[in-house]
């Protein structure tokens, strides 16, 4: 298990930069440790990352499974909001 974090992607995604050469360059830098370690699964640990999921999957290749908890988080938020009125 490797825990590799970055704060380089969030500002770009918040600016609406979700494709193109700038985000591609940052993704390559961020994903290099995963590629080097030959990981088989990557969990997206930030709600911003699904916006660039397809690029992440393309950079990592078909042999790497990408997990996204966004739907589960959304369901939990709905339950909490409903419970709290």
C-alpha atoms as a PDB file:
ATOM      1  CA  UNK A   1       0.000   0.000   0.000  1.00  0.00           C
ATOM      2  CA  UNK A   2       1.368   3.366  -1.006  1.00  0.00           C
ATOM      3  CA  UNK A   3      -0.029   6.665   0.175  1.00  0.00           C
ATOM      4  CA  UNK A   4       0.905   9.361  -2.303  1.00  0.00           C
ATOM      5  CA  UNK A   5      -0.835  12.700  -2.028  1.00  0.00           C
ATOM      6  CA  UNK A   6      -0.733  15.933  -3.950  1.00  0.00           C
ATOM      7  CA  UNK A   7      -2.195  19.387  -3.755  1.00  0.00           C
ATOM      8  CA  UNK A   8      -1.153  20.278  -7.301  1.00  0.00           C
ATOM      9  CA  UNK A   9      -4.361  19.125  -8.989  1.00  0.00           C
ATOM     10  CA  UNK A  10      -7.075  20.770  -6.885  1.00  0.00           C
ATOM     11  CA  UNK A  11      -6.328  24.416  -7.823  1.00  0.00           C
ATOM     12  CA  UNK A  12      -6.292  23.534 -11.517  1.00  0.00           C
ATOM     13  CA  UNK A  13      -9.544  21.596 -11.334  1.00  0.00           C
ATOM     14  CA  UNK A  14     -11.197  24.415  -9.365  1.00  0.00           C
ATOM     15  CA  UNK A  15     -10.176  26.785 -12.164  1.00  0.00           C
ATOM     16  CA  UNK A  16     -11.930  24.464 -14.636  1.00  0.00           C
ATOM     17  CA  UNK A  17      -8.693  23.133 -16.087  1.00  0.00           C
ATOM     18  CA  UNK A  18      -9.625  19.482 -16.533  1.00  0.00           C
ATOM     19  CA  UNK A  19      -7.933  18.776 -19.844  1.00  0.00           C
ATOM     20  CA  UNK A  20      -5.078  20.048 -21.926  1.00  0.00           C
ATOM     21  CA  UNK A  21      -1.328  20.182 -21.658  1.00  0.00           C
ATOM     22  CA  UNK A  22      -1.139  21.893 -18.250  1.00  0.00           C
ATOM     23  CA  UNK A  23      -3.169  19.289 -16.349  1.00  0.00           C
ATOM     24  CA  UNK A  24      -1.603  16.501 -18.398  1.00  0.00           C
ATOM     25  CA  UNK A  25       1.875  17.567 -17.280  1.00  0.00           C
ATOM     26  CA  UNK A  26       0.832  17.722 -13.623  1.00  0.00           C
ATOM     27  CA  UNK A  27      -0.877  14.329 -13.832  1.00  0.00           C
ATOM     28  CA  UNK A  28       2.196  12.728 -15.348  1.00  0.00           C
ATOM     29  CA  UNK A  29       4.329  14.065 -12.499  1.00  0.00           C
ATOM     30  CA  UNK A  30       1.808  13.005  -9.840  1.00  0.00           C
ATOM     31  CA  UNK A  31       1.232   9.536 -11.302  1.00  0.00           C
ATOM     32  CA  UNK A  32       4.883   8.664 -11.947  1.00  0.00           C
ATOM     33  CA  UNK A  33       5.356   7.107  -8.478  1.00  0.00           C
ATOM     34  CA  UNK A  34       2.336   4.851  -9.064  1.00  0.00           C
ATOM     35  CA  UNK A  35       3.661   3.770 -12.439  1.00  0.00           C
ATOM     36  CA  UNK A  36       7.154   3.228 -11.030  1.00  0.00           C
ATOM     37  CA  UNK A  37       5.773   1.078  -8.193  1.00  0.00           C
ATOM     38  CA  UNK A  38       3.614  -0.896 -10.654  1.00  0.00           C
ATOM     39  CA  UNK A  39       0.470  -0.513  -8.552  1.00  0.00           C
ATOM     40  CA  UNK A  40      -2.624  -2.426  -9.591  1.00  0.00           C
ATOM     41  CA  UNK A  41      -5.244  -0.225  -7.890  1.00  0.00           C
ATOM     42  CA  UNK A  42      -5.477   3.504  -7.214  1.00  0.00           C
ATOM     43  CA  UNK A  43      -8.121   5.045  -4.931  1.00  0.00           C
ATOM     44  CA  UNK A  44      -9.056   8.608  -5.751  1.00  0.00           C
ATOM     45  CA  UNK A  45      -8.891  10.291  -2.359  1.00  0.00           C
ATOM     46  CA  UNK A  46     -10.314  13.681  -3.262  1.00  0.00           C
ATOM     47  CA  UNK A  47     -13.705  14.767  -4.539  1.00  0.00           C
ATOM     48  CA  UNK A  48     -11.960  16.793  -7.266  1.00  0.00           C
ATOM     49  CA  UNK A  49     -10.145  13.869  -8.882  1.00  0.00           C
ATOM     50  CA  UNK A  50     -13.134  12.285 -10.677  1.00  0.00           C
ATOM     51  CA  UNK A  51     -13.077  15.318 -12.985  1.00  0.00           C
ATOM     52  CA  UNK A  52      -9.784  14.011 -14.389  1.00  0.00           C
ATOM     53  CA  UNK A  53     -10.445  10.294 -13.886  1.00  0.00           C
ATOM     54  CA  UNK A  54     -10.333   9.444 -17.587  1.00  0.00           C
ATOM     55  CA  UNK A  55      -6.932  11.108 -17.913  1.00  0.00           C
ATOM     56  CA  UNK A  56      -5.709   9.268 -14.811  1.00  0.00           C
ATOM     57  CA  UNK A  57      -6.904   5.954 -16.233  1.00  0.00           C
ATOM     58  CA  UNK A  58      -5.247   6.692 -19.569  1.00  0.00           C
ATOM     59  CA  UNK A  59      -1.930   7.579 -17.934  1.00  0.00           C
ATOM     60  CA  UNK A  60      -1.943   4.538 -15.630  1.00  0.00           C
ATOM     61  CA  UNK A  61      -2.986   2.076 -18.331  1.00  0.00           C
ATOM     62  CA  UNK A  62      -5.581  -0.649 -18.507  1.00  0.00           C
ATOM     63  CA  UNK A  63      -3.870  -2.845 -15.912  1.00  0.00           C
ATOM     64  CA  UNK A  64      -4.646  -0.412 -13.079  1.00  0.00           C
ATOM     65  CA  UNK A  65      -8.082  -0.263 -11.463  1.00  0.00           C
ATOM     66  CA  UNK A  66      -9.176   3.231 -10.414  1.00  0.00           C
ATOM     67  CA  UNK A  67     -11.555   3.441  -7.443  1.00  0.00           C
ATOM     68  CA  UNK A  68     -13.769   6.474  -6.939  1.00  0.00           C
ATOM     69  CA  UNK A  69     -15.707   6.935  -3.694  1.00  0.00           C
ATOM     70  CA  UNK A  70     -17.707   9.913  -4.953  1.00  0.00           C
ATOM     71  CA  UNK A  71     -21.029   8.066  -5.307  1.00  0.00           C
ATOM     72  CA  UNK A  72     -20.696   6.537  -1.835  1.00  0.00           C
ATOM     73  CA  UNK A  73     -19.905   9.934  -0.331  1.00  0.00           C
ATOM     74  CA  UNK A  74     -22.933  11.420  -2.076  1.00  0.00           C
ATOM     75  CA  UNK A  75     -25.201   8.715  -0.650  1.00  0.00           C
ATOM     76  CA  UNK A  76     -23.848   9.307   2.854  1.00  0.00           C
ATOM     77  CA  UNK A  77     -24.354  13.069   2.571  1.00  0.00           C
ATOM     78  CA  UNK A  78     -27.965  12.424   1.504  1.00  0.00           C
ATOM     79  CA  UNK A  79     -28.520  10.126   4.523  1.00  0.00           C
ATOM     80  CA  UNK A  80     -27.039  12.664   6.943  1.00  0.00           C
ATOM     81  CA  UNK A  81     -29.049  15.527   5.483  1.00  0.00           C
ATOM     82  CA  UNK A  82     -32.266  13.507   5.570  1.00  0.00           C
ATOM     83  CA  UNK A  83     -31.586  12.441   9.155  1.00  0.00           C
ATOM     84  CA  UNK A  84     -30.902  16.028  10.215  1.00  0.00           C
ATOM     85  CA  UNK A  85     -33.823  17.526   8.303  1.00  0.00           C
END
